[in-house]
């Protein structure tokens, strides 16, 4: 095994064979906690160095999504049916869609 340097650390290259691809089976059944209790995922840090704005950041993401869903009716482009929507994913860090979903936001008219 050849040694491999990654981000300043020496690693065995065999361990890094599939490091650049996302494998959903690694996280499918895990109970990942983003609040810094289990050190699997730490988007806001942990312990004494945890982000003081974590609660506000999470609340803003939820509030933004709720407002988008509440205030808009979402339509497909002209001539496109629900059956035409491709749900296939490509592999990568965030599992992006192969074909981006295009929706048209229509402002909800309240009477």
PDB file of N, CA and C in Angstrom:
ATOM      1  N   UNK A   1       0.825  -1.180   0.000  1.00  0.00           N
ATOM      2  CA  UNK A   1       0.000   0.000   0.000  1.00  0.00           C
ATOM      3  C   UNK A   1       0.872   1.247   0.000  1.00  0.00           C
ATOM      4  N   UNK A   2       0.582   2.128  -0.907  1.00  0.00           N
ATOM      5  CA  UNK A   2       1.321   3.381  -0.973  1.00  0.00           C
ATOM      6  C   UNK A   2       0.736   4.379   0.018  1.00  0.00           C
ATOM      7  N   UNK A   3       1.591   5.114   0.709  1.00  0.00           N
ATOM      8  CA  UNK A   3       1.048   6.154   1.594  1.00  0.00           C
ATOM      9  C   UNK A   3       0.465   7.294   0.762  1.00  0.00           C
ATOM     10  N   UNK A   4      -0.536   7.909   1.289  1.00  0.00           N
ATOM     11  CA  UNK A   4      -1.219   8.985   0.583  1.00  0.00           C
ATOM     12  C   UNK A   4      -1.354  10.178   1.527  1.00  0.00           C
ATOM     13  N   UNK A   5      -1.081  11.361   1.035  1.00  0.00           N
ATOM     14  CA  UNK A   5      -1.191  12.570   1.853  1.00  0.00           C
ATOM     15  C   UNK A   5      -2.509  13.264   1.508  1.00  0.00           C
ATOM     16  N   UNK A   6      -3.331  13.494   2.532  1.00  0.00           N
ATOM     17  CA  UNK A   6      -4.611  14.160   2.310  1.00  0.00           C
ATOM     18  C   UNK A   6      -4.837  15.160   3.435  1.00  0.00           C
ATOM     19  N   UNK A   7      -4.991  16.410   3.087  1.00  0.00           N
ATOM     20  CA  UNK A   7      -5.202  17.490   4.052  1.00  0.00           C
ATOM     21  C   UNK A   7      -4.122  17.483   5.135  1.00  0.00           C
ATOM     22  N   UNK A   8      -2.893  17.177   4.748  1.00  0.00           N
ATOM     23  CA  UNK A   8      -1.787  17.212   5.687  1.00  0.00           C
ATOM     24  C   UNK A   8      -1.612  15.951   6.511  1.00  0.00           C
ATOM     25  N   UNK A   9      -2.495  14.961   6.358  1.00  0.00           N
ATOM     26  CA  UNK A   9      -2.409  13.723   7.123  1.00  0.00           C
ATOM     27  C   UNK A   9      -1.996  12.593   6.204  1.00  0.00           C
ATOM     28  N   UNK A  10      -1.158  11.710   6.717  1.00  0.00           N
ATOM     29  CA  UNK A  10      -0.756  10.543   5.950  1.00  0.00           C
ATOM     30  C   UNK A  10      -1.770   9.433   6.166  1.00  0.00           C
ATOM     31  N   UNK A  11      -2.278   8.889   5.100  1.00  0.00           N
ATOM     32  CA  UNK A  11      -3.267   7.809   5.163  1.00  0.00           C
ATOM     33  C   UNK A  11      -2.834   6.707   4.211  1.00  0.00           C
ATOM     34  N   UNK A  12      -3.320   5.511   4.446  1.00  0.00           N
ATOM     35  CA  UNK A  12      -3.098   4.439   3.495  1.00  0.00           C
ATOM     36  C   UNK A  12      -4.053   4.653   2.333  1.00  0.00           C
ATOM     37  N   UNK A  13      -3.544   4.544   1.111  1.00  0.00           N
ATOM     38  CA  UNK A  13      -4.373   4.835  -0.057  1.00  0.00           C
ATOM     39  C   UNK A  13      -5.546   3.866  -0.185  1.00  0.00           C
ATOM     40  N   UNK A  14      -5.428   2.663   0.368  1.00  0.00           N
ATOM     41  CA  UNK A  14      -6.523   1.695   0.273  1.00  0.00           C
ATOM     42  C   UNK A  14      -7.762   2.198   1.023  1.00  0.00           C
ATOM     43  N   UNK A  15      -7.559   2.910   2.125  1.00  0.00           N
ATOM     44  CA  UNK A  15      -8.680   3.445   2.901  1.00  0.00           C
ATOM     45  C   UNK A  15      -9.388   4.566   2.156  1.00  0.00           C
ATOM     46  N   UNK A  16      -8.693   5.211   1.218  1.00  0.00           N
ATOM     47  CA  UNK A  16      -9.246   6.374   0.531  1.00  0.00           C
ATOM     48  C   UNK A  16      -9.783   6.052  -0.856  1.00  0.00           C
ATOM     49  N   UNK A  17      -9.933   4.768  -1.179  1.00  0.00           N
ATOM     50  CA  UNK A  17     -10.382   4.394  -2.518  1.00  0.00           C
ATOM     51  C   UNK A  17     -11.731   5.021  -2.863  1.00  0.00           C
ATOM     52  N   UNK A  18     -12.670   4.946  -1.927  1.00  0.00           N
ATOM     53  CA  UNK A  18     -14.018   5.438  -2.208  1.00  0.00           C
ATOM     54  C   UNK A  18     -14.347   6.690  -1.395  1.00  0.00           C
ATOM     55  N   UNK A  19     -13.349   7.462  -1.053  1.00  0.00           N
ATOM     56  CA  UNK A  19     -13.596   8.602  -0.171  1.00  0.00           C
ATOM     57  C   UNK A  19     -14.274   9.767  -0.879  1.00  0.00           C
ATOM     58  N   UNK A  20     -14.201   9.846  -2.180  1.00  0.00           N
ATOM     59  CA  UNK A  20     -14.791  10.966  -2.903  1.00  0.00           C
ATOM     60  C   UNK A  20     -16.205  10.686  -3.394  1.00  0.00           C
ATOM     61  N   UNK A  21     -16.778   9.562  -3.032  1.00  0.00           N
ATOM     62  CA  UNK A  21     -18.142   9.251  -3.458  1.00  0.00           C
ATOM     63  C   UNK A  21     -19.025   9.028  -2.238  1.00  0.00           C
ATOM     64  N   UNK A  22     -20.297   9.342  -2.389  1.00  0.00           N
ATOM     65  CA  UNK A  22     -21.258   9.216  -1.298  1.00  0.00           C
ATOM     66  C   UNK A  22     -21.866   7.823  -1.318  1.00  0.00           C
ATOM     67  N   UNK A  23     -21.907   7.174  -0.174  1.00  0.00           N
ATOM     68  CA  UNK A  23     -22.491   5.849  -0.043  1.00  0.00           C
ATOM     69  C   UNK A  23     -23.632   5.924   0.961  1.00  0.00           C
ATOM     70  N   UNK A  24     -24.882   5.922   0.485  1.00  0.00           N
ATOM     71  CA  UNK A  24     -26.021   6.092   1.390  1.00  0.00           C
ATOM     72  C   UNK A  24     -26.127   5.001   2.440  1.00  0.00           C
ATOM     73  N   UNK A  25     -25.631   3.802   2.174  1.00  0.00           N
ATOM     74  CA  UNK A  25     -25.746   2.713   3.138  1.00  0.00           C
ATOM     75  C   UNK A  25     -24.998   3.016   4.424  1.00  0.00           C
ATOM     76  N   UNK A  26     -24.045   3.958   4.392  1.00  0.00           N
ATOM     77  CA  UNK A  26     -23.308   4.306   5.605  1.00  0.00           C
ATOM     78  C   UNK A  26     -24.175   5.063   6.609  1.00  0.00           C
ATOM     79  N   UNK A  27     -25.172   5.791   6.130  1.00  0.00           N
ATOM     80  CA  UNK A  27     -25.965   6.653   7.014  1.00  0.00           C
ATOM     81  C   UNK A  27     -27.449   6.320   7.031  1.00  0.00           C
ATOM     82  N   UNK A  28     -27.881   5.292   6.301  1.00  0.00           N
ATOM     83  CA  UNK A  28     -29.308   4.986   6.184  1.00  0.00           C
ATOM     84  C   UNK A  28     -29.952   4.684   7.532  1.00  0.00           C
ATOM     85  N   UNK A  29     -29.358   3.839   8.329  1.00  0.00           N
ATOM     86  CA  UNK A  29     -29.979   3.409   9.580  1.00  0.00           C
ATOM     87  C   UNK A  29     -29.417   4.121  10.806  1.00  0.00           C
ATOM     88  N   UNK A  30     -28.558   5.103  10.607  1.00  0.00           N
ATOM     89  CA  UNK A  30     -27.967   5.771  11.768  1.00  0.00           C
ATOM     90  C   UNK A  30     -28.854   6.919  12.239  1.00  0.00           C
ATOM     91  N   UNK A  31     -28.785   7.188  13.508  1.00  0.00           N
ATOM     92  CA  UNK A  31     -29.516   8.306  14.101  1.00  0.00           C
ATOM     93  C   UNK A  31     -28.533   9.467  14.257  1.00  0.00           C
ATOM     94  N   UNK A  32     -28.281  10.177  13.168  1.00  0.00           N
ATOM     95  CA  UNK A  32     -27.301  11.256  13.189  1.00  0.00           C
ATOM     96  C   UNK A  32     -27.879  12.455  13.928  1.00  0.00           C
ATOM     97  N   UNK A  33     -27.107  12.966  14.867  1.00  0.00           N
ATOM     98  CA  UNK A  33     -27.517  14.124  15.645  1.00  0.00           C
ATOM     99  C   UNK A  33     -26.623  15.292  15.258  1.00  0.00           C
ATOM    100  N   UNK A  34     -27.210  16.374  14.794  1.00  0.00           N
ATOM    101  CA  UNK A  34     -26.432  17.522  14.345  1.00  0.00           C
ATOM    102  C   UNK A  34     -26.156  18.524  15.466  1.00  0.00           C
ATOM    103  N   UNK A  35     -26.589  18.236  16.680  1.00  0.00           N
ATOM    104  CA  UNK A  35     -26.451  19.193  17.776  1.00  0.00           C
ATOM    105  C   UNK A  35     -25.156  19.027  18.564  1.00  0.00           C
ATOM    106  N   UNK A  36     -24.253  18.160  18.140  1.00  0.00           N
ATOM    107  CA  UNK A  36     -22.946  18.055  18.772  1.00  0.00           C
ATOM    108  C   UNK A  36     -22.840  17.021  19.864  1.00  0.00           C
ATOM    109  N   UNK A  37     -23.818  16.128  19.989  1.00  0.00           N
ATOM    110  CA  UNK A  37     -23.762  15.103  21.030  1.00  0.00           C
ATOM    111  C   UNK A  37     -22.949  13.910  20.545  1.00  0.00           C
ATOM    112  N   UNK A  38     -23.316  13.362  19.402  1.00  0.00           N
ATOM    113  CA  UNK A  38     -22.541  12.295  18.771  1.00  0.00           C
ATOM    114  C   UNK A  38     -21.682  12.955  17.703  1.00  0.00           C
ATOM    115  N   UNK A  39     -20.423  12.637  17.652  1.00  0.00           N
ATOM    116  CA  UNK A  39     -19.496  13.353  16.786  1.00  0.00           C
ATOM    117  C   UNK A  39     -19.482  12.826  15.352  1.00  0.00           C
ATOM    118  N   UNK A  40     -20.640  12.440  14.809  1.00  0.00           N
ATOM    119  CA  UNK A  40     -20.717  11.989  13.425  1.00  0.00           C
ATOM    120  C   UNK A  40     -20.864  13.164  12.471  1.00  0.00           C
ATOM    121  N   UNK A  41     -21.609  14.170  12.892  1.00  0.00           N
ATOM    122  CA  UNK A  41     -21.885  15.326  12.050  1.00  0.00           C
ATOM    123  C   UNK A  41     -21.899  16.558  12.948  1.00  0.00           C
ATOM    124  N   UNK A  42     -21.047  17.507  12.656  1.00  0.00           N
ATOM    125  CA  UNK A  42     -20.938  18.691  13.513  1.00  0.00           C
ATOM    126  C   UNK A  42     -21.021  19.985  12.696  1.00  0.00           C
ATOM    127  N   UNK A  43     -22.173  20.298  12.096  1.00  0.00           N
ATOM    128  CA  UNK A  43     -22.246  21.532  11.315  1.00  0.00           C
ATOM    129  C   UNK A  43     -22.186  22.787  12.172  1.00  0.00           C
ATOM    130  N   UNK A  44     -22.498  22.678  13.462  1.00  0.00           N
ATOM    131  CA  UNK A  44     -22.494  23.840  14.353  1.00  0.00           C
ATOM    132  C   UNK A  44     -21.426  23.746  15.440  1.00  0.00           C
ATOM    133  N   UNK A  45     -20.510  22.821  15.326  1.00  0.00           N
ATOM    134  CA  UNK A  45     -19.484  22.655  16.343  1.00  0.00           C
ATOM    135  C   UNK A  45     -20.001  21.831  17.509  1.00  0.00           C
ATOM    136  N   UNK A  46     -19.243  21.839  18.608  1.00  0.00           N
ATOM    137  CA  UNK A  46     -19.617  21.021  19.753  1.00  0.00           C
ATOM    138  C   UNK A  46     -19.009  21.583  21.028  1.00  0.00           C
ATOM    139  N   UNK A  47     -19.629  21.252  22.146  1.00  0.00           N
ATOM    140  CA  UNK A  47     -19.086  21.615  23.451  1.00  0.00           C
ATOM    141  C   UNK A  47     -19.011  23.113  23.673  1.00  0.00           C
ATOM    142  N   UNK A  48     -17.890  23.568  24.217  1.00  0.00           N
ATOM    143  CA  UNK A  48     -17.718  24.989  24.520  1.00  0.00           C
ATOM    144  C   UNK A  48     -17.647  25.836  23.260  1.00  0.00           C
ATOM    145  N   UNK A  49     -17.312  25.238  22.141  1.00  0.00           N
ATOM    146  CA  UNK A  49     -17.148  25.992  20.900  1.00  0.00           C
ATOM    147  C   UNK A  49     -18.359  25.864  19.972  1.00  0.00           C
ATOM    148  N   UNK A  50     -19.487  25.437  20.500  1.00  0.00           N
ATOM    149  CA  UNK A  50     -20.682  25.291  19.675  1.00  0.00           C
ATOM    150  C   UNK A  50     -21.177  26.672  19.232  1.00  0.00           C
ATOM    151  N   UNK A  51     -21.734  26.748  18.073  1.00  0.00           N
ATOM    152  CA  UNK A  51     -22.210  28.010  17.507  1.00  0.00           C
ATOM    153  C   UNK A  51     -23.389  28.543  18.322  1.00  0.00           C
ATOM    154  N   UNK A  52     -23.311  29.767  18.819  1.00  0.00           N
ATOM    155  CA  UNK A  52     -24.427  30.307  19.596  1.00  0.00           C
ATOM    156  C   UNK A  52     -25.664  30.577  18.743  1.00  0.00           C
ATOM    157  N   UNK A  53     -25.504  30.625  17.429  1.00  0.00           N
ATOM    158  CA  UNK A  53     -26.644  30.881  16.547  1.00  0.00           C
ATOM    159  C   UNK A  53     -27.277  29.623  15.993  1.00  0.00           C
ATOM    160  N   UNK A  54     -26.955  28.448  16.565  1.00  0.00           N
ATOM    161  CA  UNK A  54     -27.482  27.190  16.043  1.00  0.00           C
ATOM    162  C   UNK A  54     -29.001  27.172  16.049  1.00  0.00           C
ATOM    163  N   UNK A  55     -29.620  27.530  17.147  1.00  0.00           N
ATOM    164  CA  UNK A  55     -31.081  27.517  17.231  1.00  0.00           C
ATOM    165  C   UNK A  55     -31.719  28.434  16.211  1.00  0.00           C
ATOM    166  N   UNK A  56     -31.137  29.620  16.046  1.00  0.00           N
ATOM    167  CA  UNK A  56     -31.677  30.565  15.078  1.00  0.00           C
ATOM    168  C   UNK A  56     -31.490  30.056  13.646  1.00  0.00           C
ATOM    169  N   UNK A  57     -30.344  29.459  13.358  1.00  0.00           N
ATOM    170  CA  UNK A  57     -30.099  28.923  12.019  1.00  0.00           C
ATOM    171  C   UNK A  57     -31.079  27.823  11.649  1.00  0.00           C
ATOM    172  N   UNK A  58     -31.327  26.909  12.571  1.00  0.00           N
ATOM    173  CA  UNK A  58     -32.272  25.816  12.324  1.00  0.00           C
ATOM    174  C   UNK A  58     -33.684  26.364  12.164  1.00  0.00           C
ATOM    175  N   UNK A  59     -34.065  27.319  13.031  1.00  0.00           N
ATOM    176  CA  UNK A  59     -35.401  27.917  12.943  1.00  0.00           C
ATOM    177  C   UNK A  59     -35.591  28.659  11.624  1.00  0.00           C
ATOM    178  N   UNK A  60     -34.548  29.344  11.140  1.00  0.00           N
ATOM    179  CA  UNK A  60     -34.665  30.079   9.882  1.00  0.00           C
ATOM    180  C   UNK A  60     -34.819  29.147   8.685  1.00  0.00           C
ATOM    181  N   UNK A  61     -34.128  28.023   8.695  1.00  0.00           N
ATOM    182  CA  UNK A  61     -34.290  27.058   7.605  1.00  0.00           C
ATOM    183  C   UNK A  61     -35.720  26.531   7.585  1.00  0.00           C
ATOM    184  N   UNK A  62     -36.249  26.180   8.756  1.00  0.00           N
ATOM    185  CA  UNK A  62     -37.628  25.689   8.833  1.00  0.00           C
ATOM    186  C   UNK A  62     -38.618  26.767   8.428  1.00  0.00           C
ATOM    187  N   UNK A  63     -38.431  27.983   8.901  1.00  0.00           N
ATOM    188  CA  UNK A  63     -39.336  29.084   8.592  1.00  0.00           C
ATOM    189  C   UNK A  63     -39.338  29.411   7.101  1.00  0.00           C
ATOM    190  N   UNK A  64     -38.173  29.395   6.480  1.00  0.00           N
ATOM    191  CA  UNK A  64     -38.079  29.663   5.046  1.00  0.00           C
ATOM    192  C   UNK A  64     -38.820  28.604   4.245  1.00  0.00           C
ATOM    193  N   UNK A  65     -38.622  27.341   4.580  1.00  0.00           N
ATOM    194  CA  UNK A  65     -39.307  26.264   3.880  1.00  0.00           C
ATOM    195  C   UNK A  65     -40.815  26.352   4.071  1.00  0.00           C
ATOM    196  N   UNK A  66     -41.257  26.618   5.289  1.00  0.00           N
ATOM    197  CA  UNK A  66     -42.693  26.732   5.566  1.00  0.00           C
ATOM    198  C   UNK A  66     -43.302  27.879   4.771  1.00  0.00           C
ATOM    199  N   UNK A  67     -42.622  29.021   4.714  1.00  0.00           N
ATOM    200  CA  UNK A  67     -43.141  30.161   3.956  1.00  0.00           C
ATOM    201  C   UNK A  67     -43.225  29.869   2.467  1.00  0.00           C
ATOM    202  N   UNK A  68     -42.229  29.191   1.920  1.00  0.00           N
ATOM    203  CA  UNK A  68     -42.277  28.837   0.500  1.00  0.00           C
ATOM    204  C   UNK A  68     -43.445  27.906   0.199  1.00  0.00           C
ATOM    205  N   UNK A  69     -43.673  26.930   1.074  1.00  0.00           N
ATOM    206  CA  UNK A  69     -44.772  25.988   0.853  1.00  0.00           C
ATOM    207  C   UNK A  69     -46.129  26.633   1.087  1.00  0.00           C
ATOM    208  N   UNK A  70     -46.225  27.548   2.032  1.00  0.00           N
ATOM    209  CA  UNK A  70     -47.496  28.167   2.397  1.00  0.00           C
ATOM    210  C   UNK A  70     -47.925  29.240   1.399  1.00  0.00           C
ATOM    211  N   UNK A  71     -46.992  30.049   0.927  1.00  0.00           N
ATOM    212  CA  UNK A  71     -47.342  31.209   0.116  1.00  0.00           C
ATOM    213  C   UNK A  71     -47.376  30.951  -1.383  1.00  0.00           C
ATOM    214  N   UNK A  72     -46.882  29.810  -1.828  1.00  0.00           N
ATOM    215  CA  UNK A  72     -46.852  29.543  -3.261  1.00  0.00           C
ATOM    216  C   UNK A  72     -47.533  28.222  -3.585  1.00  0.00           C
ATOM    217  N   UNK A  73     -48.194  28.195  -4.744  1.00  0.00           N
ATOM    218  CA  UNK A  73     -48.609  26.944  -5.364  1.00  0.00           C
ATOM    219  C   UNK A  73     -47.519  26.619  -6.377  1.00  0.00           C
ATOM    220  N   UNK A  74     -47.074  25.398  -6.393  1.00  0.00           N
ATOM    221  CA  UNK A  74     -45.969  25.017  -7.264  1.00  0.00           C
ATOM    222  C   UNK A  74     -46.513  24.251  -8.458  1.00  0.00           C
ATOM    223  N   UNK A  75     -46.200  24.719  -9.674  1.00  0.00           N
ATOM    224  CA  UNK A  75     -46.679  24.119 -10.918  1.00  0.00           C
ATOM    225  C   UNK A  75     -45.491  23.620 -11.735  1.00  0.00           C
ATOM    226  N   UNK A  76     -45.763  22.622 -12.557  1.00  0.00           N
ATOM    227  CA  UNK A  76     -44.758  22.142 -13.500  1.00  0.00           C
ATOM    228  C   UNK A  76     -44.765  23.042 -14.730  1.00  0.00           C
ATOM    229  N   UNK A  77     -43.654  23.109 -15.478  1.00  0.00           N
ATOM    230  CA  UNK A  77     -43.625  23.916 -16.702  1.00  0.00           C
ATOM    231  C   UNK A  77     -44.662  23.435 -17.716  1.00  0.00           C
ATOM    232  N   UNK A  78     -45.014  24.308 -18.672  1.00  0.00           N
ATOM    233  CA  UNK A  78     -46.000  23.988 -19.712  1.00  0.00           C
ATOM    234  C   UNK A  78     -45.641  22.691 -20.424  1.00  0.00           C
ATOM    235  N   UNK A  79     -46.628  21.838 -20.585  1.00  0.00           N
ATOM    236  CA  UNK A  79     -46.449  20.598 -21.325  1.00  0.00           C
ATOM    237  C   UNK A  79     -45.792  19.472 -20.544  1.00  0.00           C
ATOM    238  N   UNK A  80     -45.476  19.680 -19.303  1.00  0.00           N
ATOM    239  CA  UNK A  80     -44.831  18.643 -18.495  1.00  0.00           C
ATOM    240  C   UNK A  80     -45.842  18.054 -17.523  1.00  0.00           C
ATOM    241  N   UNK A  81     -45.878  16.739 -17.458  1.00  0.00           N
ATOM    242  CA  UNK A  81     -46.786  16.032 -16.556  1.00  0.00           C
ATOM    243  C   UNK A  81     -45.996  15.491 -15.359  1.00  0.00           C
ATOM    244  N   UNK A  82     -46.713  15.096 -14.325  1.00  0.00           N
ATOM    245  CA  UNK A  82     -46.071  14.556 -13.119  1.00  0.00           C
ATOM    246  C   UNK A  82     -45.259  13.307 -13.458  1.00  0.00           C
ATOM    247  N   UNK A  83     -45.742  12.516 -14.394  1.00  0.00           N
ATOM    248  CA  UNK A  83     -45.042  11.286 -14.776  1.00  0.00           C
ATOM    249  C   UNK A  83     -43.709  11.573 -15.455  1.00  0.00           C
ATOM    250  N   UNK A  84     -43.537  12.783 -15.995  1.00  0.00           N
ATOM    251  CA  UNK A  84     -42.304  13.144 -16.696  1.00  0.00           C
ATOM    252  C   UNK A  84     -41.177  13.561 -15.752  1.00  0.00           C
ATOM    253  N   UNK A  85     -41.467  13.742 -14.481  1.00  0.00           N
ATOM    254  CA  UNK A  85     -40.450  14.181 -13.518  1.00  0.00           C
ATOM    255  C   UNK A  85     -39.482  13.030 -13.256  1.00  0.00           C
ATOM    256  N   UNK A  86     -38.209  13.281 -13.509  1.00  0.00           N
ATOM    257  CA  UNK A  86     -37.172  12.272 -13.310  1.00  0.00           C
ATOM    258  C   UNK A  86     -36.660  12.366 -11.878  1.00  0.00           C
ATOM    259  N   UNK A  87     -36.816  11.298 -11.100  1.00  0.00           N
ATOM    260  CA  UNK A  87     -36.395  11.291  -9.704  1.00  0.00           C
ATOM    261  C   UNK A  87     -35.049  10.609  -9.489  1.00  0.00           C
ATOM    262  N   UNK A  88     -34.380  10.253 -10.565  1.00  0.00           N
ATOM    263  CA  UNK A  88     -33.104   9.558 -10.448  1.00  0.00           C
ATOM    264  C   UNK A  88     -32.027  10.502  -9.912  1.00  0.00           C
ATOM    265  N   UNK A  89     -31.179   9.973  -9.041  1.00  0.00           N
ATOM    266  CA  UNK A  89     -30.117  10.770  -8.429  1.00  0.00           C
ATOM    267  C   UNK A  89     -28.773  10.404  -9.037  1.00  0.00           C
ATOM    268  N   UNK A  90     -27.881  11.370  -9.062  1.00  0.00           N
ATOM    269  CA  UNK A  90     -26.504  11.057  -9.420  1.00  0.00           C
ATOM    270  C   UNK A  90     -25.719  10.971  -8.116  1.00  0.00           C
ATOM    271  N   UNK A  91     -24.610  10.291  -8.143  1.00  0.00           N
ATOM    272  CA  UNK A  91     -23.848  10.085  -6.920  1.00  0.00           C
ATOM    273  C   UNK A  91     -22.845  11.204  -6.729  1.00  0.00           C
ATOM    274  N   UNK A  92     -22.705  11.619  -5.522  1.00  0.00           N
ATOM    275  CA  UNK A  92     -21.778  12.682  -5.162  1.00  0.00           C
ATOM    276  C   UNK A  92     -21.915  12.951  -3.680  1.00  0.00           C
ATOM    277  N   UNK A  93     -21.380  14.045  -3.237  1.00  0.00           N
ATOM    278  CA  UNK A  93     -21.404  14.365  -1.821  1.00  0.00           C
ATOM    279  C   UNK A  93     -22.821  14.613  -1.319  1.00  0.00           C
ATOM    280  N   UNK A  94     -23.666  15.266  -2.117  1.00  0.00           N
ATOM    281  CA  UNK A  94     -25.009  15.625  -1.660  1.00  0.00           C
ATOM    282  C   UNK A  94     -26.113  14.885  -2.411  1.00  0.00           C
ATOM    283  N   UNK A  95     -25.795  13.895  -3.226  1.00  0.00           N
ATOM    284  CA  UNK A  95     -26.768  13.160  -4.043  1.00  0.00           C
ATOM    285  C   UNK A  95     -27.641  14.095  -4.871  1.00  0.00           C
ATOM    286  N   UNK A  96     -27.052  14.885  -5.754  1.00  0.00           N
ATOM    287  CA  UNK A  96     -27.866  15.787  -6.576  1.00  0.00           C
ATOM    288  C   UNK A  96     -28.695  15.010  -7.583  1.00  0.00           C
ATOM    289  N   UNK A  97     -29.783  15.617  -8.047  1.00  0.00           N
ATOM    290  CA  UNK A  97     -30.615  14.979  -9.056  1.00  0.00           C
ATOM    291  C   UNK A  97     -29.886  15.017 -10.397  1.00  0.00           C
ATOM    292  N   UNK A  98     -30.071  13.976 -11.210  1.00  0.00           N
ATOM    293  CA  UNK A  98     -29.453  13.967 -12.533  1.00  0.00           C
ATOM    294  C   UNK A  98     -30.055  15.059 -13.403  1.00  0.00           C
ATOM    295  N   UNK A  99     -31.381  15.183 -13.352  1.00  0.00           N
ATOM    296  CA  UNK A  99     -32.080  16.229 -14.094  1.00  0.00           C
ATOM    297  C   UNK A  99     -32.678  17.177 -13.061  1.00  0.00           C
ATOM    298  N   UNK A 100     -32.252  18.441 -13.033  1.00  0.00           N
ATOM    299  CA  UNK A 100     -32.777  19.368 -12.023  1.00  0.00           C
ATOM    300  C   UNK A 100     -34.292  19.533 -12.141  1.00  0.00           C
ATOM    301  N   UNK A 101     -34.956  19.588 -11.002  1.00  0.00           N
ATOM    302  CA  UNK A 101     -36.400  19.786 -10.963  1.00  0.00           C
ATOM    303  C   UNK A 101     -36.699  21.253 -11.216  1.00  0.00           C
ATOM    304  N   UNK A 102     -37.546  21.514 -12.198  1.00  0.00           N
ATOM    305  CA  UNK A 102     -37.935  22.885 -12.499  1.00  0.00           C
ATOM    306  C   UNK A 102     -39.398  23.055 -12.137  1.00  0.00           C
ATOM    307  N   UNK A 103     -39.669  23.985 -11.236  1.00  0.00           N
ATOM    308  CA  UNK A 103     -41.029  24.292 -10.817  1.00  0.00           C
ATOM    309  C   UNK A 103     -41.280  25.775 -10.994  1.00  0.00           C
ATOM    310  N   UNK A 104     -42.546  26.112 -11.207  1.00  0.00           N
ATOM    311  CA  UNK A 104     -42.936  27.509 -11.351  1.00  0.00           C
ATOM    312  C   UNK A 104     -43.727  27.909 -10.116  1.00  0.00           C
ATOM    313  N   UNK A 105     -43.224  28.878  -9.347  1.00  0.00           N
ATOM    314  CA  UNK A 105     -43.979  29.326  -8.173  1.00  0.00           C
ATOM    315  C   UNK A 105     -45.100  30.271  -8.596  1.00  0.00           C
ATOM    316  N   UNK A 106     -46.302  29.972  -8.139  1.00  0.00           N
ATOM    317  CA  UNK A 106     -47.459  30.826  -8.412  1.00  0.00           C
ATOM    318  C   UNK A 106     -47.945  31.331  -7.060  1.00  0.00           C
ATOM    319  N   UNK A 107     -47.964  32.652  -6.904  1.00  0.00           N
ATOM    320  CA  UNK A 107     -48.368  33.251  -5.638  1.00  0.00           C
ATOM    321  C   UNK A 107     -49.796  32.848  -5.298  1.00  0.00           C
ATOM    322  N   UNK A 108     -50.006  32.371  -4.089  1.00  0.00           N
ATOM    323  CA  UNK A 108     -51.332  31.941  -3.649  1.00  0.00           C
ATOM    324  C   UNK A 108     -52.223  33.164  -3.479  1.00  0.00           C
ATOM    325  N   UNK A 109     -53.412  33.109  -4.068  1.00  0.00           N
ATOM    326  CA  UNK A 109     -54.390  34.191  -3.947  1.00  0.00           C
ATOM    327  C   UNK A 109     -55.396  33.816  -2.879  1.00  0.00           C
ATOM    328  N   UNK A 110     -55.378  34.529  -1.777  1.00  0.00           N
ATOM    329  CA  UNK A 110     -56.321  34.265  -0.697  1.00  0.00           C
ATOM    330  C   UNK A 110     -57.551  35.140  -0.898  1.00  0.00           C
ATOM    331  N   UNK A 111     -58.725  34.539  -0.821  1.00  0.00           N
ATOM    332  CA  UNK A 111     -59.963  35.324  -1.008  1.00  0.00           C
ATOM    333  C   UNK A 111     -60.645  35.595   0.302  1.00  0.00           C
TER     334      UNK A 111
END
